Amino acid sequence: MLSAGSHLEDEVMFRSVALPVLLTFLLAGCQAPSTPREQIPPNTAPVAVCGSGEVMMQTTLWFGMNKPKGGTVSSLEWQQFVDNDVTPRFKDGLSVYDAKGQWLGENGKLARENSKALMLIHHPDHSSSESINGLRDIYKKRFEQESVMRVDSLVCVAF
């Protein structure tokens, strides 16, 4: 038969062991919120793992064709930009698509215009990135554009 003292000792023992164990499990589930994606430094970004092929970077640039003072970038002007500025930097190849762009301009008004999408597949290195930013700067200056949007994605490429 258990005495009252023995029961009290068991309860104290249970509480002294169970409470820390329970707190450990509860606190294990608590963590700081994850860092928003835009705050992750580039060297910790996810890395693509390819089942076949090679990890490459796919960059798509979006070029508006309207000129702010009127008119549009002509087919000849566009082709000269591709031939003289893009191709020398990316001789391995590129693709160009016609597109319809829409965005909210700096003046707060909705803008729509014909656009060109330039897709480049390249090694994910600093040199390629600088060449791409150079193209954006050239186009913005030459055709007086507010911006040239850049979208980068790691992709698996096999030929």
Protein backbone atom coordinates (compact mmCIF):
# COMPACT_ATOMS: atom_id res chain seq x y z
CA MET A 1 0.00 0.00 0.00
CA LEU A 2 1.29 3.46 -0.92
CA SER A 3 1.54 6.09 1.70
CA ALA A 4 0.44 9.70 1.15
CA GLY A 5 4.09 10.73 1.30
CA SER A 6 5.00 8.32 -1.48
CA HIS A 7 2.22 9.65 -3.71
CA LEU A 8 3.37 13.23 -3.10
CA GLU A 9 6.96 12.28 -3.92
CA ASP A 10 5.81 10.64 -7.18
CA GLU A 11 3.85 13.76 -8.14
CA VAL A 12 6.80 16.05 -7.40
CA MET A 13 9.10 13.73 -9.37
CA PHE A 14 6.64 13.66 -12.29
CA ARG A 15 6.36 17.46 -12.37
CA SER A 16 10.10 17.98 -12.11
CA VAL A 17 10.68 15.70 -15.11
CA ALA A 18 7.53 16.24 -17.18
CA LEU A 19 7.50 20.04 -17.09
CA PRO A 20 10.99 20.50 -18.60
CA VAL A 21 10.30 17.80 -21.21
CA LEU A 22 6.98 19.42 -22.14
CA LEU A 23 8.60 22.87 -22.39
CA THR A 24 11.35 21.44 -24.58
CA PHE A 25 8.80 20.05 -27.05
CA LEU A 26 6.77 23.26 -27.04
CA LEU A 27 9.78 25.49 -27.59
CA ALA A 28 11.15 23.24 -30.32
CA GLY A 29 8.18 24.25 -32.46
CA CYS A 30 8.89 27.95 -31.97
CA GLN A 31 11.17 29.67 -34.43
CA ALA A 32 11.68 33.07 -35.92
CA PRO A 33 9.77 33.70 -39.14
CA SER A 34 11.70 32.76 -42.24
CA THR A 35 13.57 35.49 -44.07
CA PRO A 36 11.57 36.97 -46.95
CA ARG A 37 12.94 35.73 -50.29
CA GLU A 38 14.04 39.20 -51.40
CA GLN A 39 16.30 39.45 -48.35
CA ILE A 40 18.19 36.20 -48.93
CA PRO A 41 21.76 37.03 -49.93
CA PRO A 42 22.67 35.74 -53.42
CA ASN A 43 25.22 33.23 -52.09
CA THR A 44 22.49 31.40 -50.12
CA ALA A 45 19.86 31.30 -52.88
CA PRO A 46 18.54 27.88 -53.92
CA VAL A 47 20.71 25.95 -56.36
CA ALA A 48 19.23 23.95 -59.22
CA VAL A 49 20.10 20.26 -59.36
CA CYS A 50 19.79 18.80 -62.83
CA GLY A 51 18.77 15.24 -63.59
CA SER A 52 20.48 15.72 -66.92
CA GLY A 53 22.23 18.58 -68.62
CA GLU A 54 24.03 21.52 -67.06
CA VAL A 55 22.92 24.20 -64.62
CA MET A 56 22.73 27.47 -66.53
CA MET A 57 21.11 30.86 -66.05
CA GLN A 58 18.15 31.90 -68.19
CA THR A 59 17.81 35.67 -68.37
CA THR A 60 14.90 37.33 -70.11
CA LEU A 61 15.04 41.05 -70.79
CA TRP A 62 11.89 43.00 -71.63
CA PHE A 63 12.38 46.00 -73.94
CA GLY A 64 9.66 48.57 -74.57
CA MET A 65 9.37 49.72 -78.18
CA ASN A 66 7.73 53.15 -77.64
CA LYS A 67 9.94 56.24 -77.59
CA PRO A 68 8.95 58.85 -74.97
CA LYS A 69 9.05 61.72 -77.49
CA GLY A 70 6.84 59.82 -79.93
CA GLY A 71 7.33 57.05 -82.42
CA THR A 72 8.64 53.58 -81.83
CA VAL A 73 11.92 51.72 -82.06
CA SER A 74 11.92 50.62 -85.71
CA SER A 75 12.62 47.09 -86.90
CA LEU A 76 15.94 48.35 -88.29
CA GLU A 77 16.91 50.04 -85.00
CA TRP A 78 16.02 46.88 -83.06
CA GLN A 79 17.99 44.65 -85.42
CA GLN A 80 21.00 46.97 -85.22
CA PHE A 81 20.83 46.77 -81.41
CA VAL A 82 20.75 42.97 -81.58
CA ASP A 83 23.52 42.76 -84.20
CA ASN A 84 25.86 45.40 -82.76
CA ASP A 85 25.26 45.18 -79.01
CA VAL A 86 23.67 41.84 -78.06
CA THR A 87 25.28 39.33 -80.42
CA PRO A 88 28.91 40.34 -79.72
CA ARG A 89 28.28 39.74 -75.99
CA PHE A 90 26.29 36.50 -76.43
CA LYS A 91 27.64 34.75 -79.52
CA ASP A 92 26.42 31.32 -78.39
CA GLY A 93 22.84 32.27 -79.21
CA LEU A 94 19.70 34.05 -78.14
CA SER A 95 15.98 34.18 -78.81
CA VAL A 96 13.75 37.20 -79.42
CA TYR A 97 9.98 37.22 -78.96
CA ASP A 98 7.39 39.87 -79.75
CA ALA A 99 5.37 40.76 -76.65
CA LYS A 100 2.69 43.16 -75.39
CA GLY A 101 3.78 44.97 -72.23
CA GLN A 102 1.69 46.63 -69.54
CA TRP A 103 2.83 48.37 -66.34
CA LEU A 104 2.20 51.29 -64.03
CA GLY A 105 4.43 54.17 -65.12
CA GLU A 106 6.30 56.58 -62.85
CA ASN A 107 3.48 59.07 -63.51
CA GLY A 108 0.97 56.65 -61.94
CA LYS A 109 -0.79 55.90 -65.23
CA LEU A 110 -1.27 52.49 -66.81
CA ALA A 111 0.95 52.12 -69.86
CA ARG A 112 0.76 49.55 -72.65
CA GLU A 113 3.16 49.05 -75.50
CA ASN A 114 4.61 46.60 -77.93
CA SER A 115 7.74 45.02 -76.51
CA LYS A 116 10.52 42.60 -77.30
CA ALA A 117 11.56 39.77 -75.00
CA LEU A 118 15.20 38.73 -75.35
CA MET A 119 16.04 35.35 -73.82
CA LEU A 120 19.65 34.45 -73.08
CA ILE A 121 21.02 31.16 -71.73
CA HIS A 122 24.41 31.69 -70.11
CA HIS A 123 26.71 30.60 -67.32
CA PRO A 124 25.71 32.07 -63.96
CA ASP A 125 28.78 34.26 -63.56
CA HIS A 126 29.61 37.89 -62.83
CA SER A 127 30.91 38.57 -66.34
CA SER A 128 27.64 37.52 -68.01
CA SER A 129 25.61 39.49 -65.50
CA GLU A 130 27.65 42.63 -66.16
CA SER A 131 27.25 42.17 -69.93
CA ILE A 132 23.49 41.92 -69.49
CA ASN A 133 23.35 45.02 -67.32
CA GLY A 134 25.43 46.79 -69.97
CA LEU A 135 22.82 45.91 -72.61
CA ARG A 136 20.07 47.29 -70.40
CA ASP A 137 21.98 50.55 -69.92
CA ILE A 138 22.69 50.91 -73.65
CA TYR A 139 19.05 50.37 -74.59
CA LYS A 140 17.70 52.73 -71.91
CA LYS A 141 20.07 55.48 -72.98
CA ARG A 142 19.71 55.00 -76.74
CA PHE A 143 15.91 54.82 -76.75
CA GLU A 144 15.22 56.94 -73.62
CA GLN A 145 13.51 54.15 -71.68
CA GLU A 146 12.53 54.27 -67.99
CA SER A 147 13.64 50.69 -67.53
CA VAL A 148 14.44 47.34 -69.08
CA MET A 149 13.08 44.55 -66.91
CA ARG A 150 15.41 41.64 -66.14
CA VAL A 151 14.21 38.21 -65.00
CA ASP A 152 16.77 35.52 -64.03
CA SER A 153 16.13 31.82 -63.40
CA LEU A 154 18.43 28.86 -62.86
CA VAL A 155 17.58 26.19 -65.43
CA CYS A 156 18.82 22.79 -66.55
CA VAL A 157 20.05 22.82 -70.15
CA ALA A 158 20.89 19.86 -72.37
CA PHE A 159 21.66 19.97 -76.09
